[in-house]
């Protein structure tokens, strides 16, 4: 190979390596905490909050740009002294109850909490009535 080709190939390889290194650095989260308790609160919050884009992942597991932004917001709010409930309330105001993996029970979502139990009871009542009728009819 000529020297010109070797230089072009090495330049391309070097630029690719720099590009991949830059992409890898941009996806790593680094949040500095002076207090281990605050770091634990941060970890707990990002596990409790759902990524609005990914839908089945929490903020800790998601690599989307939106989840990165939300992690930064959680970090900034923790550093500014807000409580966990204030941070969750802010996120709920912005993204609705969907943002919480374990939503609070309220009037709007009561059917989601009690619907399966009511449905199961109805099926059980229907089955018992059907069984009693069939048993009585078979004994005659």
Protein backbone atom coordinates (compact mmCIF):
# COMPACT_ATOMS: atom_id res chain seq x y z
CA UNK A 1 0.00 0.00 0.00
CA UNK A 2 1.05 3.50 -0.59
CA UNK A 3 1.78 5.90 2.24
CA UNK A 4 -1.18 8.02 1.24
CA UNK A 5 -3.64 5.10 1.63
CA UNK A 6 -2.15 4.12 4.99
CA UNK A 7 -2.54 7.69 6.26
CA UNK A 8 -6.17 7.90 5.06
CA UNK A 9 -7.06 4.54 6.64
CA UNK A 10 -5.38 5.44 9.94
CA UNK A 11 -7.13 8.83 9.92
CA UNK A 12 -10.51 7.15 9.35
CA UNK A 13 -9.90 4.58 12.09
CA UNK A 14 -8.78 7.27 14.52
CA UNK A 15 -11.85 9.40 13.81
CA UNK A 16 -14.14 6.39 14.24
CA UNK A 17 -12.52 5.55 17.56
CA UNK A 18 -12.90 9.15 18.77
CA UNK A 19 -16.53 9.21 17.67
CA UNK A 20 -17.37 5.95 19.48
CA UNK A 21 -15.50 7.12 22.59
CA UNK A 22 -17.49 10.36 22.61
CA UNK A 23 -20.80 8.49 22.21
CA UNK A 24 -19.88 6.11 25.04
CA UNK A 25 -18.96 9.00 27.34
CA UNK A 26 -22.23 10.80 26.63
CA UNK A 27 -24.35 7.81 27.73
CA UNK A 28 -22.65 7.33 31.11
CA UNK A 29 -24.40 9.10 33.97
CA UNK A 30 -22.19 10.62 36.60
CA UNK A 31 -23.90 12.28 39.50
CA UNK A 32 -21.76 13.38 42.42
CA UNK A 33 -23.25 13.14 45.90
CA UNK A 34 -21.58 14.24 49.10
CA UNK A 35 -24.11 12.39 51.23
CA UNK A 36 -24.60 8.61 50.77
CA UNK A 37 -28.18 8.97 52.01
CA UNK A 38 -28.96 11.41 49.19
CA UNK A 39 -27.42 9.03 46.66
CA UNK A 40 -29.62 6.23 48.02
CA UNK A 41 -32.68 8.49 47.68
CA UNK A 42 -31.68 9.28 44.10
CA UNK A 43 -31.32 5.58 43.26
CA UNK A 44 -34.68 4.80 44.88
CA UNK A 45 -36.43 7.58 42.96
CA UNK A 46 -35.07 6.62 39.56
CA UNK A 47 -36.18 3.03 40.21
CA UNK A 48 -39.69 4.18 41.19
CA UNK A 49 -40.16 6.51 38.21
CA UNK A 50 -41.09 5.10 34.80
CA UNK A 51 -39.55 6.34 31.57
CA UNK A 52 -42.39 7.97 29.58
CA UNK A 53 -40.77 6.99 26.30
CA UNK A 54 -39.81 3.38 27.07
CA UNK A 55 -42.97 2.67 29.11
CA UNK A 56 -41.79 -0.66 30.54
CA UNK A 57 -38.52 0.57 32.01
CA UNK A 58 -37.75 2.73 34.95
CA UNK A 59 -35.43 5.71 34.65
CA UNK A 60 -32.52 3.69 36.02
CA UNK A 61 -32.74 1.08 33.26
CA UNK A 62 -33.57 3.38 30.36
CA UNK A 63 -30.98 4.92 28.07
CA UNK A 64 -33.33 7.26 26.20
CA UNK A 65 -32.55 10.95 26.02
CA UNK A 66 -35.76 11.75 27.90
CA UNK A 67 -34.82 9.49 30.80
CA UNK A 68 -31.39 11.12 30.95
CA UNK A 69 -33.09 14.51 31.22
CA UNK A 70 -35.45 13.26 33.91
CA UNK A 71 -32.56 11.81 35.91
CA UNK A 72 -30.87 15.22 35.76
CA UNK A 73 -34.07 16.89 36.98
CA UNK A 74 -34.33 14.42 39.88
CA UNK A 75 -30.67 15.06 40.74
CA UNK A 76 -31.09 18.85 40.65
CA UNK A 77 -34.22 18.71 42.80
CA UNK A 78 -32.49 16.48 45.35
CA UNK A 79 -29.50 18.82 45.51
CA UNK A 80 -31.85 21.80 45.96
CA UNK A 81 -33.35 20.10 49.02
CA UNK A 82 -36.74 18.90 47.78
CA UNK A 83 -38.33 15.86 49.39
CA UNK A 84 -39.08 12.62 47.54
CA UNK A 85 -42.80 13.43 47.62
CA UNK A 86 -42.21 16.89 46.12
CA UNK A 87 -40.17 15.35 43.30
CA UNK A 88 -42.80 12.68 42.62
CA UNK A 89 -45.52 15.32 42.70
CA UNK A 90 -43.61 17.42 40.17
CA UNK A 91 -43.20 14.41 37.88
CA UNK A 92 -46.89 13.48 38.23
CA UNK A 93 -47.94 17.02 37.34
CA UNK A 94 -45.78 16.89 34.27
CA UNK A 95 -46.37 13.30 33.06
CA UNK A 96 -49.44 12.09 34.96
CA UNK A 97 -49.84 8.99 37.16
CA UNK A 98 -48.20 6.91 34.42
CA UNK A 99 -44.75 8.08 35.54
CA UNK A 100 -45.07 6.11 38.80
CA UNK A 101 -44.52 2.35 38.68
CA UNK A 102 -46.67 2.00 41.80
CA UNK A 103 -49.41 4.59 41.33
CA UNK A 104 -51.35 5.88 44.28
CA UNK A 105 -54.93 4.75 44.64
CA UNK A 106 -57.38 7.54 43.96
CA UNK A 107 -60.85 8.06 42.49
CA UNK A 108 -59.54 8.13 38.92
CA UNK A 109 -57.81 4.76 39.02
CA UNK A 110 -59.95 2.91 41.61
CA UNK A 111 -61.35 0.61 38.93
CA UNK A 112 -57.84 -0.55 38.12
CA UNK A 113 -57.25 -1.44 41.77
CA UNK A 114 -60.61 -3.03 42.55
CA UNK A 115 -61.84 -4.11 39.10
CA UNK A 116 -60.11 -7.51 39.09
CA UNK A 117 -61.40 -8.35 42.58
CA UNK A 118 -64.97 -7.35 41.67
CA UNK A 119 -64.75 -9.31 38.42
CA UNK A 120 -63.46 -12.40 40.24
CA UNK A 121 -66.27 -12.17 42.81
CA UNK A 122 -68.88 -11.88 40.05
CA UNK A 123 -67.48 -14.93 38.25
CA UNK A 124 -67.47 -16.85 41.55
CA UNK A 125 -71.11 -15.92 42.28
CA UNK A 126 -72.19 -16.93 38.76
CA UNK A 127 -70.34 -20.24 39.07
CA UNK A 128 -71.87 -21.02 42.49
CA UNK A 129 -75.40 -20.25 41.24
CA UNK A 130 -74.83 -22.39 38.13
CA UNK A 131 -73.47 -25.26 40.26
CA UNK A 132 -76.41 -25.14 42.68
CA UNK A 133 -78.96 -25.11 39.84
CA UNK A 134 -77.28 -28.03 38.07
CA UNK A 135 -77.01 -30.03 41.26
CA UNK A 136 -80.68 -29.49 42.08
CA UNK A 137 -81.72 -30.35 38.52
CA UNK A 138 -79.59 -33.53 38.45
CA UNK A 139 -81.06 -34.79 41.75
CA UNK A 140 -84.64 -34.72 40.42
